[in-house]
Amino acid sequence: MVCEVGGPKAIRAVGAYVRAHDALVTTFYTSNVEQYLFRDPDSWRQVYANVAAVPHDSASLFSRAVF
């Protein structure tokens, strides 16, 4: 799925879907989103809040691309 990770709907909708199916997200692939995220000094707060709303556990991973 491709979505705006800092937006108000997409990641939270994924979280609701996962929760409704009594599941966990084990891997988040963020590609190179970080290079865009931190251009706006407050956007990272929304991303962190969105990710926190997705069912995950201590074994869940973030996978990212660094160039």
N, C-alpha and C. Protein backbone atom coordinates (compact mmCIF):
# COMPACT_ATOMS: atom_id res chain seq x y z
N MET A 1 0.84 -1.17 0.00
CA MET A 1 0.00 0.00 0.00
C MET A 1 0.89 1.23 0.00
N VAL A 2 0.52 2.21 -0.77
CA VAL A 2 1.21 3.49 -0.81
C VAL A 2 0.26 4.53 -0.22
N CYS A 3 0.76 5.33 0.71
CA CYS A 3 -0.10 6.33 1.34
C CYS A 3 0.74 7.45 1.92
N GLU A 4 0.08 8.51 2.32
CA GLU A 4 0.76 9.62 2.98
C GLU A 4 0.87 9.30 4.47
N VAL A 5 2.07 8.97 4.91
CA VAL A 5 2.24 8.54 6.29
C VAL A 5 2.00 9.65 7.29
N GLY A 6 2.13 10.90 6.86
CA GLY A 6 1.90 12.02 7.75
C GLY A 6 0.50 12.58 7.67
N GLY A 7 -0.33 11.98 6.84
CA GLY A 7 -1.70 12.46 6.70
C GLY A 7 -2.60 11.97 7.81
N PRO A 8 -3.81 12.51 7.89
CA PRO A 8 -4.70 12.18 9.00
C PRO A 8 -5.50 10.90 8.84
N LYS A 9 -5.45 10.24 7.67
CA LYS A 9 -6.36 9.11 7.45
C LYS A 9 -5.71 7.78 7.13
N ALA A 10 -4.79 7.75 6.20
CA ALA A 10 -4.33 6.49 5.60
C ALA A 10 -3.77 5.49 6.61
N ILE A 11 -2.76 5.89 7.36
CA ILE A 11 -2.13 4.95 8.31
C ILE A 11 -3.12 4.55 9.40
N ARG A 12 -3.92 5.49 9.84
CA ARG A 12 -4.92 5.16 10.87
C ARG A 12 -5.97 4.19 10.34
N ALA A 13 -6.32 4.31 9.05
CA ALA A 13 -7.27 3.36 8.44
C ALA A 13 -6.65 1.97 8.36
N VAL A 14 -5.37 1.91 8.04
CA VAL A 14 -4.68 0.62 8.03
C VAL A 14 -4.71 0.02 9.43
N GLY A 15 -4.43 0.85 10.42
CA GLY A 15 -4.46 0.39 11.81
C GLY A 15 -5.82 -0.15 12.20
N ALA A 16 -6.88 0.54 11.79
CA ALA A 16 -8.24 0.08 12.10
C ALA A 16 -8.53 -1.26 11.43
N TYR A 17 -8.08 -1.41 10.19
CA TYR A 17 -8.28 -2.67 9.47
C TYR A 17 -7.54 -3.82 10.17
N VAL A 18 -6.28 -3.57 10.51
CA VAL A 18 -5.47 -4.59 11.18
C VAL A 18 -6.09 -4.97 12.52
N ARG A 19 -6.51 -3.97 13.28
CA ARG A 19 -7.14 -4.21 14.59
C ARG A 19 -8.43 -5.00 14.43
N ALA A 20 -9.23 -4.68 13.41
CA ALA A 20 -10.50 -5.39 13.17
C ALA A 20 -10.28 -6.85 12.84
N HIS A 21 -9.10 -7.17 12.34
CA HIS A 21 -8.77 -8.55 12.00
C HIS A 21 -7.89 -9.20 13.07
N ASP A 22 -7.82 -8.53 14.23
CA ASP A 22 -7.08 -9.06 15.38
C ASP A 22 -5.66 -9.48 14.99
N ALA A 23 -4.98 -8.57 14.29
CA ALA A 23 -3.63 -8.87 13.78
C ALA A 23 -2.66 -7.78 14.23
N LEU A 24 -1.39 -7.94 13.87
CA LEU A 24 -0.34 -6.98 14.15
C LEU A 24 0.39 -6.64 12.86
N VAL A 25 0.91 -5.44 12.78
CA VAL A 25 1.81 -5.07 11.69
C VAL A 25 3.21 -5.46 12.16
N THR A 26 3.88 -6.26 11.36
CA THR A 26 5.21 -6.72 11.75
C THR A 26 6.32 -5.94 11.07
N THR A 27 6.03 -5.32 9.92
CA THR A 27 7.04 -4.54 9.20
C THR A 27 6.40 -3.32 8.55
N PHE A 28 7.00 -2.17 8.78
CA PHE A 28 6.64 -0.94 8.08
C PHE A 28 7.78 -0.66 7.11
N TYR A 29 7.47 -0.55 5.83
CA TYR A 29 8.49 -0.15 4.85
C TYR A 29 8.24 1.31 4.53
N THR A 30 9.17 2.15 4.89
CA THR A 30 8.98 3.59 4.73
C THR A 30 9.70 4.17 3.53
N SER A 31 10.42 3.34 2.78
CA SER A 31 11.16 3.81 1.61
C SER A 31 12.05 4.97 2.02
N ASN A 32 11.95 6.09 1.32
CA ASN A 32 12.79 7.25 1.63
C ASN A 32 11.95 8.41 2.18
N VAL A 33 10.86 8.09 2.84
CA VAL A 33 9.94 9.11 3.33
C VAL A 33 10.60 10.10 4.28
N GLU A 34 11.62 9.68 4.99
CA GLU A 34 12.26 10.56 5.96
C GLU A 34 12.83 11.82 5.33
N GLN A 35 13.33 11.71 4.11
CA GLN A 35 13.91 12.90 3.50
C GLN A 35 12.86 13.97 3.25
N TYR A 36 11.61 13.59 3.14
CA TYR A 36 10.52 14.55 2.95
C TYR A 36 9.88 14.94 4.29
N LEU A 37 9.82 14.00 5.19
CA LEU A 37 9.17 14.22 6.47
C LEU A 37 9.74 15.37 7.26
N PHE A 38 11.02 15.45 7.32
CA PHE A 38 11.65 16.40 8.22
C PHE A 38 11.87 17.77 7.59
N ARG A 39 11.29 17.99 6.40
CA ARG A 39 11.30 19.33 5.81
C ARG A 39 10.37 20.25 6.60
N ASP A 40 9.28 19.70 7.08
CA ASP A 40 8.33 20.44 7.90
C ASP A 40 8.63 20.07 9.35
N PRO A 41 8.94 21.04 10.19
CA PRO A 41 9.38 20.71 11.55
C PRO A 41 8.34 20.02 12.43
N ASP A 42 7.07 20.02 12.03
CA ASP A 42 6.05 19.37 12.86
C ASP A 42 5.47 18.10 12.26
N SER A 43 5.77 17.78 11.00
CA SER A 43 5.14 16.62 10.35
C SER A 43 5.52 15.30 11.00
N TRP A 44 6.72 15.20 11.54
CA TRP A 44 7.14 13.94 12.17
C TRP A 44 6.26 13.60 13.36
N ARG A 45 5.72 14.60 14.04
CA ARG A 45 4.84 14.32 15.19
C ARG A 45 3.60 13.56 14.76
N GLN A 46 3.03 13.96 13.62
CA GLN A 46 1.84 13.28 13.10
C GLN A 46 2.18 11.86 12.67
N VAL A 47 3.33 11.67 12.05
CA VAL A 47 3.75 10.32 11.63
C VAL A 47 3.90 9.42 12.85
N TYR A 48 4.56 9.90 13.88
CA TYR A 48 4.74 9.09 15.09
C TYR A 48 3.40 8.75 15.72
N ALA A 49 2.48 9.71 15.76
CA ALA A 49 1.14 9.45 16.31
C ALA A 49 0.39 8.44 15.46
N ASN A 50 0.53 8.52 14.14
CA ASN A 50 -0.13 7.57 13.25
C ASN A 50 0.40 6.16 13.47
N VAL A 51 1.71 6.03 13.53
CA VAL A 51 2.32 4.71 13.71
C VAL A 51 1.94 4.13 15.07
N ALA A 52 1.89 4.97 16.09
CA ALA A 52 1.51 4.50 17.42
C ALA A 52 0.09 3.95 17.44
N ALA A 53 -0.74 4.41 16.51
CA ALA A 53 -2.14 3.96 16.45
C ALA A 53 -2.31 2.62 15.72
N VAL A 54 -1.23 2.13 15.14
CA VAL A 54 -1.28 0.85 14.40
C VAL A 54 -0.86 -0.28 15.34
N PRO A 55 -1.63 -1.36 15.37
CA PRO A 55 -1.27 -2.49 16.24
C PRO A 55 0.10 -3.08 15.85
N HIS A 56 1.02 -3.04 16.78
CA HIS A 56 2.36 -3.60 16.57
C HIS A 56 2.88 -4.07 17.92
N ASP A 57 4.03 -4.72 17.89
CA ASP A 57 4.62 -5.17 19.15
C ASP A 57 6.11 -4.90 19.14
N SER A 58 6.79 -5.37 20.16
CA SER A 58 8.22 -5.07 20.30
C SER A 58 9.07 -5.73 19.22
N ALA A 59 8.54 -6.70 18.50
CA ALA A 59 9.29 -7.34 17.43
C ALA A 59 9.03 -6.70 16.07
N SER A 60 8.10 -5.74 15.98
CA SER A 60 7.80 -5.08 14.72
C SER A 60 9.00 -4.25 14.27
N LEU A 61 9.18 -4.15 12.95
CA LEU A 61 10.35 -3.48 12.38
C LEU A 61 9.95 -2.31 11.50
N PHE A 62 10.87 -1.34 11.38
CA PHE A 62 10.79 -0.32 10.35
C PHE A 62 11.89 -0.61 9.36
N SER A 63 11.54 -0.66 8.11
CA SER A 63 12.51 -0.86 7.04
C SER A 63 12.52 0.40 6.21
N ARG A 64 13.71 0.94 5.97
CA ARG A 64 13.79 2.20 5.23
C ARG A 64 14.93 2.16 4.24
N ALA A 65 14.85 3.03 3.26
CA ALA A 65 15.91 3.16 2.26
C ALA A 65 16.75 4.39 2.60
N VAL A 66 18.05 4.22 2.58
CA VAL A 66 18.96 5.33 2.82
C VAL A 66 19.89 5.40 1.63
N PHE A 67 19.95 6.57 1.03
CA PHE A 67 20.79 6.74 -0.15
C PHE A 67 21.97 7.63 0.16
